[in-house]
Amino acid sequence: MSADQPTVLVVEDEPAQREVLAYNLEAEGFRVLRAGDGEEALLQIRETPPDIVVLDWMMPRLSGLEVCRRLKIRPETRNIPVIMLSARTEEVDRVRGLETGADDYVIKPYSLAELMARVRVQLRRVRPAAAGMRLEHDDIVLDSETHRVTRGGVEIRLGPTEFRLLAALIEKPGRVWSREQLLDRVWGRDIYVDTRTVDVHVGRLRKALTRGGGADPIRTVRGTGYALG
């Protein structure tokens, strides 16, 4: 499984609907996690934070609305997009879902094609490189669709790991990533790699980016990790 695959958590208590959703998301290139109720969803998110949550409103034990509320009040999860699925069609219910923090609200029964499109919209917001977008920072341009990087108009050849590393950094310039966060994003959560490996690949990325004589764009934050710019 590719480490840079965006991850979607599907939270749905109906097994058949959950599997249909998971099948279609996997066909679109997503890594899919599954939860059958709200409590399982919160545990799953703590263990493996997804990029996006597709969340059913009506569930036993803990409603989707309460799951969404808890996610949005925690600093470490509040930026994870939540797409709420509900058979509730009244405007007051849609407003309630959105006011609780849901980023989108989809009424059942829904078109799978429309839901996939809405997932991609949220993905472009949180993982633009994974969505195939062209990203720029100063004179560095990363085109994730063609898998090319240029600096000052000159093409830079990067290995696959260095490309994914740059993609993570350029998505959020200025954000400081810890080594553990970069391991999760670049190598994948299911692969054991020593944190010193991050330093080695950051060094290779720096060397490639400065080969033409430009300034080093990667900032080392002592005791924490790395940032672009």
Protein backbone atom coordinates (compact mmCIF):
# COMPACT_ATOMS: atom_id res chain seq x y z
CA MET A 1 0.00 0.00 0.00
CA SER A 2 1.41 3.37 -1.01
CA ALA A 3 2.43 5.56 1.92
CA ASP A 4 1.07 8.69 0.26
CA GLN A 5 -2.42 7.23 -0.28
CA PRO A 6 -4.94 9.51 1.42
CA THR A 7 -6.85 7.76 4.21
CA VAL A 8 -10.63 7.84 4.66
CA LEU A 9 -12.39 6.52 7.76
CA VAL A 10 -15.90 5.23 6.97
CA VAL A 11 -18.14 5.20 10.05
CA GLU A 12 -21.38 3.36 9.29
CA ASP A 13 -23.28 0.85 11.45
CA GLU A 14 -24.91 -0.92 8.47
CA PRO A 15 -22.29 -3.46 7.28
CA ALA A 16 -23.57 -3.60 3.69
CA GLN A 17 -23.51 0.19 3.27
CA ARG A 18 -20.12 0.38 4.96
CA GLU A 19 -18.61 -2.14 2.54
CA VAL A 20 -20.15 -0.49 -0.55
CA LEU A 21 -18.63 2.83 0.52
CA ALA A 22 -15.27 1.24 1.30
CA TYR A 23 -15.20 -0.61 -2.03
CA ASN A 24 -15.87 2.55 -4.03
CA LEU A 25 -13.37 4.64 -2.07
CA GLU A 26 -10.68 1.99 -2.56
CA ALA A 27 -11.48 1.96 -6.28
CA GLU A 28 -10.79 5.73 -6.26
CA GLY A 29 -7.34 5.12 -4.79
CA PHE A 30 -8.03 5.78 -1.11
CA ARG A 31 -6.83 3.75 1.83
CA VAL A 32 -10.00 2.92 3.80
CA LEU A 33 -10.43 2.38 7.52
CA ARG A 34 -13.76 1.14 8.89
CA ALA A 35 -15.75 1.65 12.08
CA GLY A 36 -19.19 0.27 12.95
CA ASP A 37 -20.11 2.76 15.66
CA GLY A 38 -19.10 6.10 17.15
CA GLU A 39 -16.96 4.76 19.98
CA GLU A 40 -15.00 2.52 17.61
CA ALA A 41 -14.55 5.53 15.32
CA LEU A 42 -13.02 7.69 18.06
CA LEU A 43 -10.66 4.87 19.05
CA GLN A 44 -9.67 4.35 15.40
CA ILE A 45 -8.99 8.08 14.96
CA ARG A 46 -6.79 8.20 18.06
CA GLU A 47 -4.75 5.23 16.81
CA THR A 48 -4.63 6.12 13.11
CA PRO A 49 -5.74 9.68 12.29
CA PRO A 50 -7.36 9.69 8.83
CA ASP A 51 -7.29 12.50 6.27
CA ILE A 52 -11.11 12.52 5.97
CA VAL A 53 -14.03 11.01 7.94
CA VAL A 54 -17.26 9.91 6.23
CA LEU A 55 -19.65 9.72 9.16
CA ASP A 56 -23.21 8.39 9.47
CA TRP A 57 -25.43 10.49 11.76
CA MET A 58 -27.71 7.74 13.15
CA MET A 59 -25.68 5.10 14.98
CA PRO A 60 -26.05 3.14 18.21
CA ARG A 61 -24.04 3.94 21.37
CA LEU A 62 -22.70 7.27 20.11
CA SER A 63 -24.28 9.31 17.34
CA GLY A 64 -22.34 10.72 14.41
CA LEU A 65 -23.27 14.19 15.61
CA GLU A 66 -21.56 13.56 18.96
CA VAL A 67 -18.51 12.02 17.25
CA CYS A 68 -18.23 15.12 15.07
CA ARG A 69 -18.57 17.43 18.09
CA ARG A 70 -15.79 15.61 19.95
CA LEU A 71 -13.49 15.69 16.94
CA LYS A 72 -13.97 19.41 16.41
CA ILE A 73 -13.25 20.42 20.02
CA ARG A 74 -9.91 18.59 20.14
CA PRO A 75 -6.99 20.61 18.68
CA GLU A 76 -5.33 17.47 17.26
CA THR A 77 -8.43 16.39 15.28
CA ARG A 78 -10.39 19.59 14.60
CA ASN A 79 -8.87 20.03 11.13
CA ILE A 80 -9.87 16.56 9.90
CA PRO A 81 -12.73 17.11 7.40
CA VAL A 82 -16.00 15.39 8.30
CA ILE A 83 -18.63 14.52 5.69
CA MET A 84 -21.90 13.75 7.49
CA LEU A 85 -24.31 11.20 5.98
CA SER A 86 -27.93 11.40 7.09
CA ALA A 87 -31.47 10.48 6.07
CA ARG A 88 -32.60 13.66 7.85
CA THR A 89 -33.75 16.01 5.08
CA GLU A 90 -35.04 18.99 7.06
CA GLU A 91 -33.06 22.21 6.80
CA VAL A 92 -32.84 22.44 10.59
CA ASP A 93 -31.04 19.08 10.67
CA ARG A 94 -28.56 20.12 7.98
CA VAL A 95 -27.88 23.34 9.85
CA ARG A 96 -27.41 21.42 13.10
CA GLY A 97 -24.93 19.06 11.46
CA LEU A 98 -22.92 21.89 9.95
CA GLU A 99 -22.99 23.94 13.15
CA THR A 100 -21.59 20.94 15.02
CA GLY A 101 -18.57 21.20 12.74
CA ALA A 102 -19.30 18.93 9.78
CA ASP A 103 -17.55 20.20 6.65
CA ASP A 104 -20.22 18.77 4.34
CA TYR A 105 -23.66 17.18 4.69
CA VAL A 106 -24.94 14.51 2.30
CA ILE A 107 -28.56 13.32 2.40
CA LYS A 108 -29.39 9.61 2.03
CA PRO A 109 -30.03 8.08 -0.42
CA TYR A 110 -27.10 9.67 -2.20
CA SER A 111 -25.30 9.22 -5.49
CA LEU A 112 -21.97 7.44 -5.01
CA ALA A 113 -20.46 9.58 -7.78
CA GLU A 114 -21.52 12.74 -5.96
CA LEU A 115 -20.14 11.49 -2.64
CA MET A 116 -16.80 10.60 -4.27
CA ALA A 117 -16.67 14.10 -5.75
CA ARG A 118 -17.32 15.65 -2.33
CA VAL A 119 -14.57 13.52 -0.78
CA ARG A 120 -12.15 14.75 -3.45
CA VAL A 121 -13.15 18.37 -2.73
CA GLN A 122 -12.24 17.91 0.94
CA LEU A 123 -9.05 16.08 -0.03
CA ARG A 124 -7.92 19.03 -2.15
CA ARG A 125 -8.20 21.18 0.96
CA VAL A 126 -6.16 18.97 3.30
CA ARG A 127 -3.93 16.94 0.93
CA PRO A 128 -3.55 18.99 -2.27
CA ALA A 129 -0.52 17.02 -3.47
CA ALA A 130 -2.38 13.72 -3.09
CA ALA A 131 -5.24 15.23 -5.10
CA GLY A 132 -2.90 15.81 -8.05
CA MET A 133 -2.60 19.56 -7.63
CA ARG A 134 0.32 21.79 -8.60
CA LEU A 135 1.93 23.35 -5.53
CA GLU A 136 4.35 26.28 -5.32
CA HIS A 137 6.52 27.76 -2.60
CA ASP A 138 8.82 30.64 -3.55
CA ASP A 139 10.65 29.34 -6.65
CA ILE A 140 9.91 25.65 -5.98
CA VAL A 141 7.10 24.03 -8.01
CA LEU A 142 5.83 20.49 -7.36
CA ASP A 143 3.45 18.99 -9.92
CA SER A 144 2.08 15.83 -8.34
CA GLU A 145 0.21 14.81 -11.52
CA THR A 146 3.36 14.70 -13.68
CA HIS A 147 5.61 13.87 -10.70
CA ARG A 148 7.99 16.73 -11.57
CA VAL A 149 9.74 19.29 -9.38
CA THR A 150 11.41 22.46 -10.60
CA ARG A 151 13.26 25.24 -8.83
CA GLY A 152 13.71 28.52 -10.63
CA GLY A 153 12.45 26.77 -13.78
CA VAL A 154 15.16 24.08 -13.60
CA GLU A 155 14.00 20.50 -13.18
CA ILE A 156 15.14 18.72 -10.03
CA ARG A 157 15.36 14.95 -10.02
CA LEU A 158 14.13 13.40 -6.78
CA GLY A 159 13.76 9.82 -5.63
CA PRO A 160 10.25 8.64 -4.67
CA THR A 161 10.82 9.14 -0.94
CA GLU A 162 12.27 12.63 -1.37
CA PHE A 163 9.34 13.54 -3.64
CA ARG A 164 6.79 12.45 -1.00
CA LEU A 165 8.78 14.28 1.67
CA LEU A 166 8.77 17.52 -0.33
CA ALA A 167 5.04 17.05 -1.06
CA ALA A 168 4.30 16.85 2.67
CA LEU A 169 6.39 19.94 3.45
CA ILE A 170 5.11 22.06 0.55
CA GLU A 171 1.45 21.37 1.33
CA LYS A 172 1.79 23.41 4.53
CA PRO A 173 4.73 25.83 4.27
CA GLY A 174 5.86 27.03 7.68
CA ARG A 175 4.33 24.10 9.54
CA VAL A 176 6.82 22.24 11.70
CA TRP A 177 6.56 18.48 11.19
CA SER A 178 7.98 16.13 13.81
CA ARG A 179 10.00 13.16 12.59
CA GLU A 180 7.21 10.83 13.72
CA GLN A 181 4.62 12.79 11.70
CA LEU A 182 6.81 12.67 8.62
CA LEU A 183 7.31 8.93 9.08
CA ASP A 184 3.52 8.46 9.13
CA ARG A 185 2.93 10.68 6.10
CA VAL A 186 5.87 9.65 3.91
CA TRP A 187 6.61 6.03 4.84
CA GLY A 188 3.19 4.96 6.13
CA ARG A 189 1.83 4.09 9.54
CA ASP A 190 2.21 0.36 9.04
CA ILE A 191 5.94 0.42 8.28
CA TYR A 192 8.61 0.53 10.97
CA VAL A 193 11.42 2.91 10.07
CA ASP A 194 13.87 4.50 12.50
CA THR A 195 13.36 8.25 12.95
CA ARG A 196 16.99 8.83 11.93
CA THR A 197 15.95 7.72 8.45
CA VAL A 198 13.98 10.97 8.20
CA ASP A 199 17.17 12.97 8.78
CA VAL A 200 18.96 11.04 6.02
CA HIS A 201 16.23 11.73 3.46
CA VAL A 202 15.85 15.38 4.50
CA GLY A 203 19.59 15.68 3.87
CA ARG A 204 19.18 14.19 0.38
CA LEU A 205 16.25 16.50 -0.36
CA ARG A 206 18.26 19.53 0.78
CA LYS A 207 21.17 18.52 -1.42
CA ALA A 208 18.90 18.18 -4.46
CA LEU A 209 17.13 21.50 -3.85
CA THR A 210 20.38 23.45 -3.38
CA ARG A 211 22.36 21.80 -6.18
CA GLY A 212 21.88 24.85 -8.41
CA GLY A 213 23.19 27.21 -5.76
CA GLY A 214 19.91 28.33 -4.21
CA ALA A 215 19.43 28.87 -0.49
CA ASP A 216 18.37 25.93 1.67
CA PRO A 217 14.56 26.22 1.95
CA ILE A 218 14.21 23.58 4.70
CA ARG A 219 14.33 24.81 8.27
CA THR A 220 15.45 22.52 11.09
CA VAL A 221 13.64 23.13 14.38
CA ARG A 222 15.94 21.73 17.05
CA GLY A 223 14.30 19.07 19.16
CA THR A 224 11.13 19.08 17.05
CA GLY A 225 11.55 18.46 13.33
CA TYR A 226 11.48 20.23 9.97
CA ALA A 227 9.58 22.90 8.08
CA LEU A 228 9.64 24.38 4.59
CA GLY A 229 10.31 28.09 4.88
